[in-house]
Amino acid sequence: ADLRSPVYVTILKHGDSTTLDTMLKLHKQA
């Protein structure tokens, strides 16, 4: 739990549409 926010923000900041889609999928599945 401690590492999720820093990892998520890092990959999104330097990510693309695939990264965003993956995060939205994670959100839906949570």
Full PDB file with SEQRES, HELIX, SHEET, SSBOND, CRYST1, ORIGX, SCALE, CONECT and MASTER records, all heavy atoms in Angstrom:
SEQRES   1 A   30  ALA ASP LEU ARG SER PRO VAL TYR VAL THR ILE LEU LYS          
SEQRES   2 A   30  HIS GLY ASP SER THR THR LEU ASP THR MET LEU LYS LEU          
SEQRES   3 A   30  HIS LYS GLN ALA                                              
HELIX    1 AA1 ARG A    4  LYS A   13  1                                  10    
HELIX    2 AA2 SER A   17  GLN A   29  1                                  13    
CRYST1    1.000    1.000    1.000  90.00  90.00  90.00 P 1           1          
ORIGX1      1.000000  0.000000  0.000000        0.00000                         
ORIGX2      0.000000  1.000000  0.000000        0.00000                         
ORIGX3      0.000000  0.000000  1.000000        0.00000                         
SCALE1      1.000000  0.000000  0.000000        0.00000                         
SCALE2      0.000000  1.000000  0.000000        0.00000                         
SCALE3      0.000000  0.000000  1.000000        0.00000                         
ATOM      1  N   ALA A   1       0.830  -1.217   0.000  1.00  0.00           N  
ATOM      2  CA  ALA A   1       0.000   0.000   0.000  1.00  0.00           C  
ATOM      3  C   ALA A   1       0.857   1.257   0.000  1.00  0.00           C  
ATOM      4  O   ALA A   1       0.535   2.252  -0.668  1.00  0.00           O  
ATOM      5  CB  ALA A   1      -0.938  -0.007   1.198  1.00  0.00           C  
ATOM      6  N   ASP A   2       1.997   1.223   0.726  1.00  0.00           N  
ATOM      7  CA  ASP A   2       2.872   2.400   0.832  1.00  0.00           C  
ATOM      8  C   ASP A   2       3.488   2.808  -0.504  1.00  0.00           C  
ATOM      9  O   ASP A   2       3.793   3.978  -0.721  1.00  0.00           O  
ATOM     10  CB  ASP A   2       4.024   2.125   1.817  1.00  0.00           C  
ATOM     11  CG  ASP A   2       3.522   1.939   3.240  1.00  0.00           C  
ATOM     12  OD1 ASP A   2       2.515   2.573   3.588  1.00  0.00           O  
ATOM     13  OD2 ASP A   2       4.131   1.158   3.984  1.00  0.00           O  
ATOM     14  N   LEU A   3       3.693   1.819  -1.390  1.00  0.00           N  
ATOM     15  CA  LEU A   3       4.389   2.098  -2.649  1.00  0.00           C  
ATOM     16  C   LEU A   3       3.454   2.347  -3.830  1.00  0.00           C  
ATOM     17  O   LEU A   3       3.896   2.779  -4.894  1.00  0.00           O  
ATOM     18  CB  LEU A   3       5.328   0.941  -2.999  1.00  0.00           C  
ATOM     19  CG  LEU A   3       6.589   0.786  -2.136  1.00  0.00           C  
ATOM     20  CD1 LEU A   3       7.398  -0.421  -2.592  1.00  0.00           C  
ATOM     21  CD2 LEU A   3       7.452   2.046  -2.191  1.00  0.00           C  
ATOM     22  N   ARG A   4       2.177   2.076  -3.646  1.00  0.00           N  
ATOM     23  CA  ARG A   4       1.274   2.180  -4.803  1.00  0.00           C  
ATOM     24  C   ARG A   4       1.176   3.587  -5.359  1.00  0.00           C  
ATOM     25  O   ARG A   4       1.328   3.794  -6.562  1.00  0.00           O  
ATOM     26  CB  ARG A   4      -0.114   1.633  -4.444  1.00  0.00           C  
ATOM     27  CG  ARG A   4      -0.093   0.125  -4.310  1.00  0.00           C  
ATOM     28  CD  ARG A   4      -1.461  -0.463  -4.108  1.00  0.00           C  
ATOM     29  NE  ARG A   4      -1.334  -1.884  -3.758  1.00  0.00           N  
ATOM     30  CZ  ARG A   4      -2.343  -2.706  -3.644  1.00  0.00           C  
ATOM     31  NH1 ARG A   4      -3.576  -2.277  -3.832  1.00  0.00           N  
ATOM     32  NH2 ARG A   4      -2.144  -3.976  -3.319  1.00  0.00           N  
ATOM     33  N   SER A   5       0.934   4.576  -4.497  1.00  0.00           N  
ATOM     34  CA  SER A   5       0.796   5.956  -5.004  1.00  0.00           C  
ATOM     35  C   SER A   5       2.056   6.443  -5.724  1.00  0.00           C  
ATOM     36  O   SER A   5       1.963   6.964  -6.843  1.00  0.00           O  
ATOM     37  CB  SER A   5       0.425   6.914  -3.870  1.00  0.00           C  
ATOM     38  OG  SER A   5      -0.910   6.697  -3.485  1.00  0.00           O  
ATOM     39  N   PRO A   6       3.268   6.290  -5.125  1.00  0.00           N  
ATOM     40  CA  PRO A   6       4.464   6.749  -5.856  1.00  0.00           C  
ATOM     41  C   PRO A   6       4.698   6.006  -7.168  1.00  0.00           C  
ATOM     42  O   PRO A   6       5.123   6.615  -8.158  1.00  0.00           O  
ATOM     43  CB  PRO A   6       5.617   6.499  -4.878  1.00  0.00           C  
ATOM     44  CG  PRO A   6       5.084   5.656  -3.792  1.00  0.00           C  
ATOM     45  CD  PRO A   6       3.612   5.889  -3.756  1.00  0.00           C  
ATOM     46  N   VAL A   7       4.390   4.703  -7.199  1.00  0.00           N  
ATOM     47  CA  VAL A   7       4.570   3.946  -8.446  1.00  0.00           C  
ATOM     48  C   VAL A   7       3.538   4.390  -9.483  1.00  0.00           C  
ATOM     49  O   VAL A   7       3.876   4.664 -10.642  1.00  0.00           O  
ATOM     50  CB  VAL A   7       4.459   2.426  -8.189  1.00  0.00           C  
ATOM     51  CG1 VAL A   7       4.313   1.659  -9.508  1.00  0.00           C  
ATOM     52  CG2 VAL A   7       5.699   1.920  -7.441  1.00  0.00           C  
ATOM     53  N   TYR A   8       2.284   4.509  -9.072  1.00  0.00           N  
ATOM     54  CA  TYR A   8       1.224   4.923  -9.998  1.00  0.00           C  
ATOM     55  C   TYR A   8       1.514   6.301 -10.596  1.00  0.00           C  
ATOM     56  O   TYR A   8       1.388   6.514 -11.795  1.00  0.00           O  
ATOM     57  CB  TYR A   8      -0.134   4.973  -9.288  1.00  0.00           C  
ATOM     58  CG  TYR A   8      -0.696   3.638  -8.839  1.00  0.00           C  
ATOM     59  CD1 TYR A   8      -1.795   3.587  -7.973  1.00  0.00           C  
ATOM     60  CD2 TYR A   8      -0.149   2.432  -9.256  1.00  0.00           C  
ATOM     61  CE1 TYR A   8      -2.335   2.377  -7.550  1.00  0.00           C  
ATOM     62  CE2 TYR A   8      -0.671   1.212  -8.825  1.00  0.00           C  
ATOM     63  CZ  TYR A   8      -1.771   1.194  -7.969  1.00  0.00           C  
ATOM     64  OH  TYR A   8      -2.288  -0.003  -7.546  1.00  0.00           O  
ATOM     65  N   VAL A   9       1.897   7.250  -9.737  1.00  0.00           N  
ATOM     66  CA  VAL A   9       2.115   8.619 -10.213  1.00  0.00           C  
ATOM     67  C   VAL A   9       3.316   8.680 -11.155  1.00  0.00           C  
ATOM     68  O   VAL A   9       3.312   9.412 -12.146  1.00  0.00           O  
ATOM     69  CB  VAL A   9       2.267   9.605  -9.028  1.00  0.00           C  
ATOM     70  CG1 VAL A   9       3.658   9.614  -8.438  1.00  0.00           C  
ATOM     71  CG2 VAL A   9       1.883  11.024  -9.442  1.00  0.00           C  
ATOM     72  N   THR A  10       4.333   7.860 -10.896  1.00  0.00           N  
ATOM     73  CA  THR A  10       5.534   7.843 -11.742  1.00  0.00           C  
ATOM     74  C   THR A  10       5.228   7.287 -13.123  1.00  0.00           C  
ATOM     75  O   THR A  10       5.606   7.881 -14.139  1.00  0.00           O  
ATOM     76  CB  THR A  10       6.649   6.999 -11.075  1.00  0.00           C  
ATOM     77  OG1 THR A  10       6.983   7.592  -9.817  1.00  0.00           O  
ATOM     78  CG2 THR A  10       7.888   6.931 -11.946  1.00  0.00           C  
ATOM     79  N   ILE A  11       4.522   6.167 -13.178  1.00  0.00           N  
ATOM     80  CA  ILE A  11       4.270   5.565 -14.502  1.00  0.00           C  
ATOM     81  C   ILE A  11       3.275   6.389 -15.307  1.00  0.00           C  
ATOM     82  O   ILE A  11       3.345   6.446 -16.526  1.00  0.00           O  
ATOM     83  CB  ILE A  11       3.818   4.090 -14.402  1.00  0.00           C  
ATOM     84  CG1 ILE A  11       2.502   3.974 -13.636  1.00  0.00           C  
ATOM     85  CG2 ILE A  11       4.895   3.209 -13.791  1.00  0.00           C  
ATOM     86  CD1 ILE A  11       1.642   2.844 -14.138  1.00  0.00           C  
ATOM     87  N   LEU A  12       2.353   7.074 -14.609  1.00  0.00           N  
ATOM     88  CA  LEU A  12       1.395   7.927 -15.324  1.00  0.00           C  
ATOM     89  C   LEU A  12       2.076   9.178 -15.866  1.00  0.00           C  
ATOM     90  O   LEU A  12       1.843   9.572 -17.014  1.00  0.00           O  
ATOM     91  CB  LEU A  12       0.240   8.329 -14.402  1.00  0.00           C  
ATOM     92  CG  LEU A  12      -0.873   7.296 -14.237  1.00  0.00           C  
ATOM     93  CD1 LEU A  12      -1.719   7.611 -13.009  1.00  0.00           C  
ATOM     94  CD2 LEU A  12      -1.756   7.220 -15.480  1.00  0.00           C  
ATOM     95  N   LYS A  13       2.912   9.802 -15.049  1.00  0.00           N  
ATOM     96  CA  LYS A  13       3.605  11.038 -15.453  1.00  0.00           C  
ATOM     97  C   LYS A  13       4.408  10.817 -16.729  1.00  0.00           C  
ATOM     98  O   LYS A  13       4.516  11.704 -17.578  1.00  0.00           O  
ATOM     99  CB  LYS A  13       4.532  11.503 -14.318  1.00  0.00           C  
ATOM    100  CG  LYS A  13       5.225  12.837 -14.574  1.00  0.00           C  
ATOM    101  CD  LYS A  13       4.262  13.995 -14.464  1.00  0.00           C  
ATOM    102  CE  LYS A  13       4.944  15.342 -14.657  1.00  0.00           C  
ATOM    103  NZ  LYS A  13       3.971  16.442 -14.661  1.00  0.00           N  
ATOM    104  N   HIS A  14       4.969   9.624 -16.872  1.00  0.00           N  
ATOM    105  CA  HIS A  14       5.813   9.321 -18.032  1.00  0.00           C  
ATOM    106  C   HIS A  14       5.158   8.241 -18.903  1.00  0.00           C  
ATOM    107  O   HIS A  14       5.837   7.485 -19.587  1.00  0.00           O  
ATOM    108  CB  HIS A  14       7.196   8.874 -17.560  1.00  0.00           C  
ATOM    109  CG  HIS A  14       7.817   9.840 -16.589  1.00  0.00           C  
ATOM    110  ND1 HIS A  14       8.425  11.008 -16.997  1.00  0.00           N  
ATOM    111  CD2 HIS A  14       7.872   9.846 -15.231  1.00  0.00           C  
ATOM    112  CE1 HIS A  14       8.839  11.685 -15.932  1.00  0.00           C  
ATOM    113  NE2 HIS A  14       8.511  10.994 -14.855  1.00  0.00           N  
ATOM    114  N   GLY A  15       3.817   8.183 -18.839  1.00  0.00           N  
ATOM    115  CA  GLY A  15       3.088   7.133 -19.542  1.00  0.00           C  
ATOM    116  C   GLY A  15       2.356   7.610 -20.782  1.00  0.00           C  
ATOM    117  O   GLY A  15       2.435   8.771 -21.170  1.00  0.00           O  
ATOM    118  N   ASP A  16       1.609   6.669 -21.392  1.00  0.00           N  
ATOM    119  CA  ASP A  16       0.844   6.968 -22.611  1.00  0.00           C  
ATOM    120  C   ASP A  16      -0.588   6.470 -22.441  1.00  0.00           C  
ATOM    121  O   ASP A  16      -1.023   6.169 -21.321  1.00  0.00           O  
ATOM    122  CB  ASP A  16       1.517   6.308 -23.827  1.00  0.00           C  
ATOM    123  CG  ASP A  16       1.751   4.805 -23.617  1.00  0.00           C  
ATOM    124  OD1 ASP A  16       1.103   4.208 -22.722  1.00  0.00           O  
ATOM    125  OD2 ASP A  16       2.580   4.224 -24.338  1.00  0.00           O  
ATOM    126  N   SER A  17      -1.324   6.355 -23.547  1.00  0.00           N  
ATOM    127  CA  SER A  17      -2.736   5.952 -23.477  1.00  0.00           C  
ATOM    128  C   SER A  17      -2.886   4.534 -22.909  1.00  0.00           C  
ATOM    129  O   SER A  17      -3.843   4.255 -22.188  1.00  0.00           O  
ATOM    130  CB  SER A  17      -3.387   6.033 -24.857  1.00  0.00           C  
ATOM    131  OG  SER A  17      -2.705   5.210 -25.780  1.00  0.00           O  
ATOM    132  N   THR A  18      -1.932   3.662 -23.202  1.00  0.00           N  
ATOM    133  CA  THR A  18      -1.981   2.293 -22.667  1.00  0.00           C  
ATOM    134  C   THR A  18      -1.859   2.320 -21.140  1.00  0.00           C  
ATOM    135  O   THR A  18      -2.574   1.595 -20.437  1.00  0.00           O  
ATOM    136  CB  THR A  18      -0.832   1.437 -23.260  1.00  0.00           C  
ATOM    137  OG1 THR A  18      -0.896   1.526 -24.681  1.00  0.00           O  
ATOM    138  CG2 THR A  18      -0.961  -0.013 -22.837  1.00  0.00           C  
ATOM    139  N   THR A  19      -0.959   3.175 -20.632  1.00  0.00           N  
ATOM    140  CA  THR A  19      -0.777   3.305 -19.178  1.00  0.00           C  
ATOM    141  C   THR A  19      -2.074   3.772 -18.530  1.00  0.00           C  
ATOM    142  O   THR A  19      -2.516   3.217 -17.517  1.00  0.00           O  
ATOM    143  CB  THR A  19       0.335   4.328 -18.851  1.00  0.00           C  
ATOM    144  OG1 THR A  19       1.450   4.100 -19.703  1.00  0.00           O  
ATOM    145  CG2 THR A  19       0.768   4.221 -17.394  1.00  0.00           C  
ATOM    146  N   LEU A  20      -2.693   4.789 -19.116  1.00  0.00           N  
ATOM    147  CA  LEU A  20      -3.942   5.321 -18.558  1.00  0.00           C  
ATOM    148  C   LEU A  20      -5.041   4.267 -18.581  1.00  0.00           C  
ATOM    149  O   LEU A  20      -5.770   4.093 -17.598  1.00  0.00           O  
ATOM    150  CB  LEU A  20      -4.383   6.571 -19.329  1.00  0.00           C  
ATOM    151  CG  LEU A  20      -5.669   7.231 -18.824  1.00  0.00           C  
ATOM    152  CD1 LEU A  20      -5.558   7.650 -17.359  1.00  0.00           C  
ATOM    153  CD2 LEU A  20      -6.048   8.435 -19.688  1.00  0.00           C  
ATOM    154  N   ASP A  21      -5.158   3.553 -19.700  1.00  0.00           N  
ATOM    155  CA  ASP A  21      -6.178   2.497 -19.804  1.00  0.00           C  
ATOM    156  C   ASP A  21      -5.968   1.421 -18.743  1.00  0.00           C  
ATOM    157  O   ASP A  21      -6.925   0.916 -18.149  1.00  0.00           O  
ATOM    158  CB  ASP A  21      -6.152   1.858 -21.206  1.00  0.00           C  
ATOM    159  CG  ASP A  21      -6.709   2.794 -22.276  1.00  0.00           C  
ATOM    160  OD1 ASP A  21      -7.389   3.775 -21.903  1.00  0.00           O  
ATOM    161  OD2 ASP A  21      -6.454   2.554 -23.466  1.00  0.00           O  
ATOM    162  N   THR A  22      -4.702   1.086 -18.490  1.00  0.00           N  
ATOM    163  CA  THR A  22      -4.385   0.084 -17.469  1.00  0.00           C  
ATOM    164  C   THR A  22      -4.819   0.573 -16.088  1.00  0.00           C  
ATOM    165  O   THR A  22      -5.391  -0.173 -15.289  1.00  0.00           O  
ATOM    166  CB  THR A  22      -2.866  -0.222 -17.460  1.00  0.00           C  
ATOM    167  OG1 THR A  22      -2.473  -0.646 -18.763  1.00  0.00           O  
ATOM    168  CG2 THR A  22      -2.532  -1.333 -16.465  1.00  0.00           C  
ATOM    169  N   MET A  23      -4.555   1.863 -15.793  1.00  0.00           N  
ATOM    170  CA  MET A  23      -4.935   2.421 -14.495  1.00  0.00           C  
ATOM    171  C   MET A  23      -6.458   2.479 -14.339  1.00  0.00           C  
ATOM    172  O   MET A  23      -6.989   2.206 -13.257  1.00  0.00           O  
ATOM    173  CB  MET A  23      -4.338   3.827 -14.334  1.00  0.00           C  
ATOM    174  CG  MET A  23      -2.833   3.857 -14.144  1.00  0.00           C  
ATOM    175  SD  MET A  23      -2.203   2.866 -12.776  1.00  0.00           S  
ATOM    176  CE  MET A  23      -3.066   3.566 -11.398  1.00  0.00           C  
ATOM    177  N   LEU A  24      -7.161   2.811 -15.421  1.00  0.00           N  
ATOM    178  CA  LEU A  24      -8.630   2.863 -15.359  1.00  0.00           C  
ATOM    179  C   LEU A  24      -9.205   1.456 -15.166  1.00  0.00           C  
ATOM    180  O   LEU A  24     -10.211   1.272 -14.470  1.00  0.00           O  
ATOM    181  CB  LEU A  24      -9.199   3.503 -16.632  1.00  0.00           C  
ATOM    182  CG  LEU A  24      -8.898   5.007 -16.802  1.00  0.00           C  
ATOM    183  CD1 LEU A  24      -9.374   5.502 -18.161  1.00  0.00           C  
ATOM    184  CD2 LEU A  24      -9.538   5.828 -15.682  1.00  0.00           C  
ATOM    185  N   LYS A  25      -8.526   0.474 -15.755  1.00  0.00           N  
ATOM    186  CA  LYS A  25      -8.939  -0.927 -15.573  1.00  0.00           C  
ATOM    187  C   LYS A  25      -8.721  -1.347 -14.112  1.00  0.00           C  
ATOM    188  O   LYS A  25      -9.567  -2.003 -13.505  1.00  0.00           O  
ATOM    189  CB  LYS A  25      -8.110  -1.814 -16.515  1.00  0.00           C  
ATOM    190  CG  LYS A  25      -8.480  -3.293 -16.481  1.00  0.00           C  
ATOM    191  CD  LYS A  25      -7.612  -4.057 -17.480  1.00  0.00           C  
ATOM    192  CE  LYS A  25      -7.599  -5.533 -17.177  1.00  0.00           C  
ATOM    193  NZ  LYS A  25      -6.566  -6.243 -17.949  1.00  0.00           N  
ATOM    194  N   LEU A  26      -7.576  -0.952 -13.543  1.00  0.00           N  
ATOM    195  CA  LEU A  26      -7.291  -1.231 -12.129  1.00  0.00           C  
ATOM    196  C   LEU A  26      -8.359  -0.613 -11.232  1.00  0.00           C  
ATOM    197  O   LEU A  26      -8.796  -1.210 -10.247  1.00  0.00           O  
ATOM    198  CB  LEU A  26      -5.927  -0.648 -11.737  1.00  0.00           C  
ATOM    199  CG  LEU A  26      -4.690  -1.541 -11.731  1.00  0.00           C  
ATOM    200  CD1 LEU A  26      -3.497  -0.769 -11.180  1.00  0.00           C  
ATOM    201  CD2 LEU A  26      -4.890  -2.808 -10.923  1.00  0.00           C  
ATOM    202  N   HIS A  27      -8.769   0.599 -11.580  1.00  0.00           N  
ATOM    203  CA  HIS A  27      -9.799   1.306 -10.815  1.00  0.00           C  
ATOM    204  C   HIS A  27     -11.107   0.531 -10.849  1.00  0.00           C  
ATOM    205  O   HIS A  27     -11.770   0.343  -9.815  1.00  0.00           O  
ATOM    206  CB  HIS A  27      -9.999   2.716 -11.410  1.00  0.00           C  
ATOM    207  CG  HIS A  27     -11.016   3.546 -10.679  1.00  0.00           C  
ATOM    208  ND1 HIS A  27     -12.371   3.459 -10.945  1.00  0.00           N  
ATOM    209  CD2 HIS A  27     -10.882   4.473  -9.694  1.00  0.00           C  
ATOM    210  CE1 HIS A  27     -13.021   4.302 -10.159  1.00  0.00           C  
ATOM    211  NE2 HIS A  27     -12.140   4.921  -9.400  1.00  0.00           N  
ATOM    212  N   LYS A  28     -11.467   0.069 -12.019  1.00  0.00           N  
ATOM    213  CA  LYS A  28     -12.729  -0.678 -12.199  1.00  0.00           C  
ATOM    214  C   LYS A  28     -12.709  -1.984 -11.405  1.00  0.00           C  
ATOM    215  O   LYS A  28     -13.711  -2.386 -10.804  1.00  0.00           O  
ATOM    216  CB  LYS A  28     -12.923  -0.973 -13.687  1.00  0.00           C  
ATOM    217  CG  LYS A  28     -14.357  -1.247 -14.097  1.00  0.00           C  
ATOM    218  CD  LYS A  28     -14.428  -1.481 -15.597  1.00  0.00           C  
ATOM    219  CE  LYS A  28     -15.844  -1.472 -16.095  1.00  0.00           C  
ATOM    220  NZ  LYS A  28     -16.519  -0.172 -16.069  1.00  0.00           N  
ATOM    221  N   GLN A  29     -11.544  -2.624 -11.369  1.00  0.00           N  
ATOM    222  CA  GLN A  29     -11.421  -3.938 -10.713  1.00  0.00           C  
ATOM    223  C   GLN A  29     -11.248  -3.842  -9.198  1.00  0.00           C  
ATOM    224  O   GLN A  29     -11.470  -4.820  -8.481  1.00  0.00           O  
ATOM    225  CB  GLN A  29     -10.222  -4.700 -11.299  1.00  0.00           C  
ATOM    226  CG  GLN A  29     -10.414  -5.137 -12.744  1.00  0.00           C  
ATOM    227  CD  GLN A  29      -9.139  -5.713 -13.341  1.00  0.00           C  
ATOM    228  OE1 GLN A  29      -8.052  -5.544 -12.787  1.00  0.00           O  
ATOM    229  NE2 GLN A  29      -9.265  -6.375 -14.488  1.00  0.00           N  
ATOM    230  N   ALA A  30     -10.857  -2.667  -8.707  1.00  0.00           N  
ATOM    231  CA  ALA A  30     -10.564  -2.516  -7.274  1.00  0.00           C  
ATOM    232  C   ALA A  30     -11.815  -2.784  -6.441  1.00  0.00           C  
ATOM    233  O   ALA A  30     -12.882  -2.233  -6.707  1.00  0.00           O  
ATOM    234  CB  ALA A  30     -10.034  -1.112  -6.996  1.00  0.00           C  
TER     235      ALA A  30                                                      
MASTER        0    0    0    2    0    0    0    6  234    1    0    3          
END                                                                             
